N, C-alpha and C. Protein backbone atom coordinates (compact mmCIF):
# COMPACT_ATOMS: atom_id res chain seq x y z
N MET A 1 54.92 28.30 105.16
CA MET A 1 55.82 28.88 104.24
C MET A 1 55.70 30.41 104.12
N GLU A 2 56.85 31.04 104.01
CA GLU A 2 56.86 32.51 103.98
C GLU A 2 56.23 33.09 102.67
N SER A 3 55.60 34.26 102.92
CA SER A 3 54.97 34.82 101.73
C SER A 3 55.99 35.62 101.00
N LYS A 4 55.72 36.08 99.77
CA LYS A 4 56.64 36.76 99.03
C LYS A 4 56.79 38.30 99.58
N THR A 5 55.79 38.71 100.25
CA THR A 5 55.83 40.13 100.77
C THR A 5 56.35 40.33 102.18
N GLU A 6 56.38 39.19 102.95
CA GLU A 6 56.86 39.25 104.35
C GLU A 6 57.74 38.17 104.68
N ALA A 7 58.90 38.59 105.24
CA ALA A 7 59.76 37.63 105.71
C ALA A 7 59.54 37.20 107.17
N ARG A 8 60.24 35.95 107.45
CA ARG A 8 60.05 35.45 108.89
C ARG A 8 60.43 36.60 109.85
N GLY A 9 59.77 36.64 110.92
CA GLY A 9 59.98 37.56 112.04
C GLY A 9 59.40 38.95 111.73
N GLY A 10 58.50 38.98 110.76
CA GLY A 10 57.88 40.34 110.48
C GLY A 10 58.70 41.31 109.68
N ARG A 11 59.92 41.11 109.20
CA ARG A 11 60.67 41.86 108.46
C ARG A 11 60.08 41.90 106.99
N LEU A 12 60.18 42.93 106.34
CA LEU A 12 59.61 43.04 104.92
C LEU A 12 60.75 42.69 103.97
N THR A 13 60.30 41.95 102.97
CA THR A 13 61.49 41.66 101.92
C THR A 13 61.72 43.03 101.04
N GLU A 14 62.91 42.73 100.47
CA GLU A 14 63.43 43.83 99.68
C GLU A 14 62.53 43.84 98.43
N GLU A 15 61.80 42.81 97.90
CA GLU A 15 60.85 42.87 96.88
C GLU A 15 59.73 43.77 97.24
N PHE A 16 59.18 43.69 98.45
CA PHE A 16 58.04 44.47 98.77
C PHE A 16 58.47 45.94 98.93
N ARG A 17 59.65 46.21 99.57
CA ARG A 17 60.14 47.57 99.74
C ARG A 17 60.26 48.16 98.39
N GLY A 18 60.92 47.40 97.44
CA GLY A 18 61.04 47.94 96.11
C GLY A 18 59.69 48.16 95.39
N ARG A 19 58.76 47.42 95.66
CA ARG A 19 57.44 47.59 94.95
C ARG A 19 56.78 48.88 95.59
N THR A 20 56.97 49.18 96.80
CA THR A 20 56.42 50.46 97.29
C THR A 20 57.12 51.66 96.86
N LYS A 21 58.56 51.54 96.70
CA LYS A 21 59.44 52.52 96.13
C LYS A 21 58.93 52.77 94.63
N ARG A 22 58.71 51.68 93.87
CA ARG A 22 58.24 51.94 92.54
C ARG A 22 56.95 52.59 92.48
N PHE A 23 55.97 52.28 93.44
CA PHE A 23 54.63 52.91 93.55
C PHE A 23 54.97 54.44 93.70
N ALA A 24 55.86 54.84 94.54
CA ALA A 24 56.22 56.28 94.83
C ALA A 24 56.77 56.92 93.62
N SER A 25 57.66 56.14 92.88
CA SER A 25 58.21 56.69 91.61
C SER A 25 57.12 56.92 90.59
N SER A 26 56.06 56.04 90.51
CA SER A 26 55.02 56.28 89.55
C SER A 26 54.23 57.46 89.85
N VAL A 27 54.05 57.64 91.18
CA VAL A 27 53.28 58.87 91.56
C VAL A 27 54.03 60.17 91.22
N ILE A 28 55.28 60.06 91.48
CA ILE A 28 56.22 61.17 91.03
C ILE A 28 56.16 61.54 89.54
N ARG A 29 56.20 60.48 88.79
CA ARG A 29 56.15 60.71 87.31
C ARG A 29 54.87 61.29 86.94
N LEU A 30 53.74 60.80 87.52
CA LEU A 30 52.38 61.33 87.10
C LEU A 30 52.30 62.84 87.61
N PHE A 31 52.78 63.12 88.87
CA PHE A 31 52.81 64.50 89.22
C PHE A 31 53.51 65.45 88.19
N VAL A 32 54.73 65.00 87.75
CA VAL A 32 55.42 65.83 86.78
C VAL A 32 54.67 66.04 85.52
N ARG A 33 53.82 65.06 85.11
CA ARG A 33 52.95 65.14 83.86
C ARG A 33 51.76 65.96 84.02
N LEU A 34 51.29 66.20 85.33
CA LEU A 34 50.05 66.97 85.55
C LEU A 34 50.08 68.32 85.00
N PRO A 35 48.92 68.73 84.42
CA PRO A 35 48.94 70.13 83.93
C PRO A 35 48.83 71.05 85.22
N LYS A 36 49.66 72.14 85.34
CA LYS A 36 49.77 72.89 86.58
C LYS A 36 48.97 74.15 86.45
N ALA A 37 48.17 74.41 85.37
CA ALA A 37 47.48 75.69 85.12
C ALA A 37 46.25 75.75 86.19
N ARG A 38 45.69 74.61 86.47
CA ARG A 38 44.52 74.69 87.24
C ARG A 38 44.75 74.50 88.77
N GLU A 39 44.32 75.31 89.63
CA GLU A 39 44.55 75.30 91.07
C GLU A 39 44.25 73.95 91.62
N GLU A 40 43.06 73.35 91.30
CA GLU A 40 42.63 72.11 91.85
C GLU A 40 43.54 70.88 91.59
N VAL A 41 44.03 71.08 90.18
CA VAL A 41 44.84 69.85 89.94
C VAL A 41 46.28 70.07 90.69
N ARG A 42 46.75 71.22 90.76
CA ARG A 42 48.00 71.47 91.49
C ARG A 42 47.83 71.05 92.90
N THR A 43 46.62 71.42 93.58
CA THR A 43 46.43 71.02 94.99
C THR A 43 46.35 69.53 95.14
N LEU A 44 45.56 68.89 94.42
CA LEU A 44 45.29 67.43 94.44
C LEU A 44 46.54 66.70 94.04
N GLY A 45 47.37 67.30 92.98
CA GLY A 45 48.61 66.69 92.69
C GLY A 45 49.55 66.75 93.82
N LYS A 46 49.82 67.77 94.62
CA LYS A 46 50.62 67.90 95.71
C LYS A 46 50.17 66.96 96.85
N GLN A 47 48.90 66.83 97.08
CA GLN A 47 48.34 65.83 98.05
C GLN A 47 48.82 64.46 97.63
N LEU A 48 48.61 64.02 96.34
CA LEU A 48 49.04 62.79 95.88
C LEU A 48 50.53 62.49 95.94
N LEU A 49 51.33 63.55 95.71
CA LEU A 49 52.74 63.45 95.76
C LEU A 49 53.10 63.03 97.21
N ARG A 50 52.62 63.75 98.23
CA ARG A 50 52.92 63.56 99.68
C ARG A 50 52.43 62.18 100.07
N SER A 51 51.22 61.89 99.72
CA SER A 51 50.69 60.51 100.33
C SER A 51 51.42 59.36 99.60
N GLY A 52 51.48 59.43 98.29
CA GLY A 52 52.04 58.36 97.41
C GLY A 52 53.46 58.07 97.76
N THR A 53 54.24 59.10 98.11
CA THR A 53 55.71 58.84 98.52
C THR A 53 55.80 58.47 99.94
N SER A 54 54.82 58.68 100.72
CA SER A 54 54.83 58.33 102.20
C SER A 54 54.52 56.85 102.35
N VAL A 55 53.86 56.22 101.32
CA VAL A 55 53.65 54.72 101.52
C VAL A 55 55.02 54.09 101.60
N ALA A 56 55.99 54.41 100.73
CA ALA A 56 57.25 53.74 100.79
C ALA A 56 58.06 54.05 102.05
N ALA A 57 57.92 55.30 102.51
CA ALA A 57 58.53 55.86 103.71
C ALA A 57 58.04 55.03 104.87
N HIS A 58 56.90 54.81 105.08
CA HIS A 58 56.13 54.00 106.08
C HIS A 58 56.70 52.48 106.08
N VAL A 59 56.71 52.05 104.95
CA VAL A 59 57.14 50.60 104.75
C VAL A 59 58.56 50.44 105.21
N ARG A 60 59.34 51.37 104.82
CA ARG A 60 60.75 51.35 105.26
C ARG A 60 60.88 51.49 106.81
N GLU A 61 60.05 52.21 107.38
CA GLU A 61 59.96 52.39 108.84
C GLU A 61 59.64 51.07 109.40
N ALA A 62 58.56 50.45 109.03
CA ALA A 62 58.02 49.16 109.32
C ALA A 62 59.06 48.20 109.37
N SER A 63 60.01 48.05 108.32
CA SER A 63 61.01 47.11 108.16
C SER A 63 61.98 47.20 109.32
N ARG A 64 62.12 48.26 110.03
CA ARG A 64 62.98 48.40 111.09
C ARG A 64 62.29 48.44 112.39
N ALA A 65 61.04 48.06 112.39
CA ALA A 65 60.31 47.97 113.70
C ALA A 65 60.97 47.08 114.74
N ARG A 66 60.88 47.53 116.04
CA ARG A 66 61.41 46.82 117.11
C ARG A 66 60.47 45.79 117.77
N SER A 67 59.18 45.77 117.38
CA SER A 67 58.25 44.89 118.03
C SER A 67 57.16 44.75 116.93
N ALA A 68 56.23 43.76 117.29
CA ALA A 68 55.08 43.40 116.41
C ALA A 68 54.16 44.62 116.36
N GLU A 69 54.00 45.12 117.53
CA GLU A 69 53.09 46.35 117.60
C GLU A 69 53.49 47.50 116.78
N GLU A 70 54.78 47.75 116.89
CA GLU A 70 55.39 48.86 116.09
C GLU A 70 55.31 48.57 114.60
N PHE A 71 55.63 47.31 114.28
CA PHE A 71 55.47 46.87 112.84
C PHE A 71 54.05 47.18 112.33
N ALA A 72 53.08 46.64 113.03
CA ALA A 72 51.71 46.90 112.66
C ALA A 72 51.33 48.38 112.54
N SER A 73 51.76 49.17 113.53
CA SER A 73 51.51 50.59 113.58
C SER A 73 52.06 51.27 112.34
N LYS A 74 53.38 50.93 112.07
CA LYS A 74 54.06 51.65 110.90
C LYS A 74 53.33 51.24 109.56
N LEU A 75 52.88 49.91 109.57
CA LEU A 75 52.13 49.42 108.32
C LEU A 75 50.84 50.09 108.25
N GLY A 76 50.22 50.41 109.36
CA GLY A 76 48.92 51.03 109.48
C GLY A 76 49.07 52.50 108.77
N GLY A 77 50.19 53.15 109.00
CA GLY A 77 50.52 54.37 108.38
C GLY A 77 50.61 54.25 106.89
N ALA A 78 51.20 53.28 106.52
CA ALA A 78 51.40 52.96 104.99
C ALA A 78 50.01 52.69 104.34
N LEU A 79 49.20 51.94 105.09
CA LEU A 79 47.81 51.65 104.69
C LEU A 79 47.00 52.98 104.50
N GLN A 80 47.12 53.92 105.40
CA GLN A 80 46.33 55.12 105.37
C GLN A 80 46.76 55.91 104.09
N GLU A 81 48.14 56.04 103.83
CA GLU A 81 48.64 56.71 102.88
C GLU A 81 48.30 56.22 101.52
N ALA A 82 48.30 54.81 101.38
CA ALA A 82 47.88 54.20 100.21
C ALA A 82 46.47 54.41 99.88
N ASP A 83 45.53 54.48 100.89
CA ASP A 83 44.06 54.73 100.68
C ASP A 83 43.98 56.12 100.29
N GLU A 84 44.69 57.05 100.97
CA GLU A 84 44.48 58.51 100.61
C GLU A 84 45.03 58.74 99.10
N SER A 85 46.15 58.04 98.79
CA SER A 85 46.55 58.20 97.37
C SER A 85 45.47 57.71 96.47
N ALA A 86 44.85 56.69 96.76
CA ALA A 86 43.75 56.15 95.80
C ALA A 86 42.61 57.27 95.69
N LEU A 87 42.33 57.92 96.75
CA LEU A 87 41.25 58.94 96.69
C LEU A 87 41.77 60.09 95.81
N TRP A 88 43.01 60.60 95.99
CA TRP A 88 43.56 61.68 95.17
C TRP A 88 43.54 61.33 93.63
N LEU A 89 43.90 60.11 93.31
CA LEU A 89 43.82 59.63 92.01
C LEU A 89 42.41 59.59 91.41
N GLU A 90 41.45 59.14 92.09
CA GLU A 90 40.13 59.15 91.71
C GLU A 90 39.65 60.50 91.47
N LEU A 91 39.91 61.49 92.32
CA LEU A 91 39.49 62.76 92.20
C LEU A 91 40.13 63.39 91.10
N LEU A 92 41.36 63.12 90.74
CA LEU A 92 42.02 63.66 89.57
C LEU A 92 41.36 63.19 88.35
N ARG A 93 41.06 61.99 88.32
CA ARG A 93 40.37 61.30 87.18
C ARG A 93 39.01 61.79 86.94
N GLU A 94 38.27 61.65 88.07
CA GLU A 94 36.76 61.88 87.96
C GLU A 94 36.38 63.34 87.89
N ASP A 95 37.02 64.21 88.63
CA ASP A 95 36.65 65.51 88.86
C ASP A 95 37.49 66.68 88.04
N CYS A 96 38.78 66.15 87.80
CA CYS A 96 39.68 67.10 87.10
C CYS A 96 40.04 66.82 85.70
N GLY A 97 39.40 65.68 85.20
CA GLY A 97 39.55 65.25 83.83
C GLY A 97 40.91 64.81 83.34
N ILE A 98 41.62 64.33 84.47
CA ILE A 98 42.98 63.75 84.07
C ILE A 98 42.73 62.24 83.38
N GLU A 99 43.31 62.03 82.36
CA GLU A 99 43.17 60.91 81.50
C GLU A 99 43.29 59.55 82.34
N PRO A 100 42.28 58.72 82.33
CA PRO A 100 42.23 57.44 83.02
C PRO A 100 43.51 56.59 82.83
N VAL A 101 44.05 56.65 81.54
CA VAL A 101 45.20 55.98 81.25
C VAL A 101 46.47 56.32 82.03
N LEU A 102 46.48 57.59 82.64
CA LEU A 102 47.56 58.00 83.50
C LEU A 102 47.21 57.62 84.90
N THR A 103 45.91 57.55 85.34
CA THR A 103 45.68 57.35 86.88
C THR A 103 45.38 55.87 87.10
N GLN A 104 44.70 55.19 86.15
CA GLN A 104 44.30 53.89 86.62
C GLN A 104 45.33 52.84 86.95
N PRO A 105 46.41 52.75 86.18
CA PRO A 105 47.45 51.78 86.70
C PRO A 105 47.91 52.05 88.12
N ILE A 106 48.06 53.27 88.45
CA ILE A 106 48.57 53.62 89.79
C ILE A 106 47.40 53.46 90.82
N GLU A 107 46.18 53.62 90.39
CA GLU A 107 45.03 53.32 91.21
C GLU A 107 44.95 51.77 91.45
N ALA A 108 45.30 50.92 90.52
CA ALA A 108 45.31 49.51 90.62
C ALA A 108 46.41 49.04 91.64
N GLU A 109 47.55 49.75 91.47
CA GLU A 109 48.62 49.33 92.42
C GLU A 109 48.33 49.81 93.76
N ALA A 110 47.63 50.83 93.97
CA ALA A 110 47.40 51.35 95.32
C ALA A 110 46.37 50.33 95.88
N SER A 111 45.38 49.89 95.07
CA SER A 111 44.41 48.85 95.64
C SER A 111 45.13 47.64 95.99
N GLU A 112 46.00 47.07 95.20
CA GLU A 112 46.71 45.82 95.62
C GLU A 112 47.66 46.11 96.84
N LEU A 113 48.36 47.16 96.87
CA LEU A 113 49.07 47.50 98.15
C LEU A 113 48.30 47.64 99.39
N ILE A 114 46.90 48.14 99.24
CA ILE A 114 46.05 48.15 100.34
C ILE A 114 45.77 46.82 100.78
N ALA A 115 45.38 45.96 99.94
CA ALA A 115 45.02 44.52 100.14
C ALA A 115 46.18 43.87 100.93
N ILE A 116 47.39 43.94 100.38
CA ILE A 116 48.56 43.35 101.01
C ILE A 116 49.00 43.79 102.36
N ILE A 117 48.91 45.11 102.50
CA ILE A 117 49.25 45.65 103.80
C ILE A 117 48.23 45.35 104.82
N THR A 118 46.96 45.30 104.45
CA THR A 118 46.03 44.98 105.41
C THR A 118 46.12 43.64 105.89
N SER A 119 46.49 42.68 104.90
CA SER A 119 46.67 41.26 105.19
C SER A 119 47.80 41.00 106.24
N MET A 120 48.91 41.93 105.94
CA MET A 120 50.15 41.92 106.89
C MET A 120 49.77 42.29 108.27
N ILE A 121 49.00 43.38 108.40
CA ILE A 121 48.64 43.86 109.57
C ILE A 121 47.73 42.84 110.41
N ASN A 122 46.76 42.33 109.70
CA ASN A 122 45.92 41.30 110.24
C ASN A 122 46.52 40.13 110.78
N ARG A 123 47.73 39.57 109.89
CA ARG A 123 48.45 38.36 110.36
C ARG A 123 49.39 38.85 111.57
N THR A 124 49.86 40.07 111.58
CA THR A 124 50.67 40.48 112.80
C THR A 124 49.88 40.57 113.93
N ARG A 125 48.80 41.12 114.00
CA ARG A 125 47.95 41.36 115.12
C ARG A 125 47.25 40.02 115.57
N ASN A 126 46.93 39.21 114.66
CA ASN A 126 46.31 37.92 114.94
C ASN A 126 47.04 36.69 114.38
N PRO A 127 48.20 36.46 114.95
CA PRO A 127 48.92 35.35 114.46
C PRO A 127 48.19 34.00 114.72
N ARG A 128 48.46 33.02 113.81
CA ARG A 128 47.74 31.74 114.03
C ARG A 128 48.21 31.00 115.18
């Protein structure tokens, strides 16, 4: 049976692509709300903006992959960016005093995306 996040042939569903786009949108909304007076918040915010939006971009690229290896590689890029996003969110919350209510929902989604993408990569590289 096909999973909800991956369609037959390694192509990604619109549902999963939409989910990563919503993740990018949530990162953008957080970035807009961040206080820009402190240099460290501006720097981490820009890093988060870059990595958080890159998750969706890599997933879009993966959906157009021409081979299983290219698919896994593009998903690997999305995985790296999701993990990096989680780091910037943690630092903003833990070291910059950004309210947990702003970061933790996005952190939770990053964690879920990391788990899903890791599973997709493993299934692609080690088919049953």
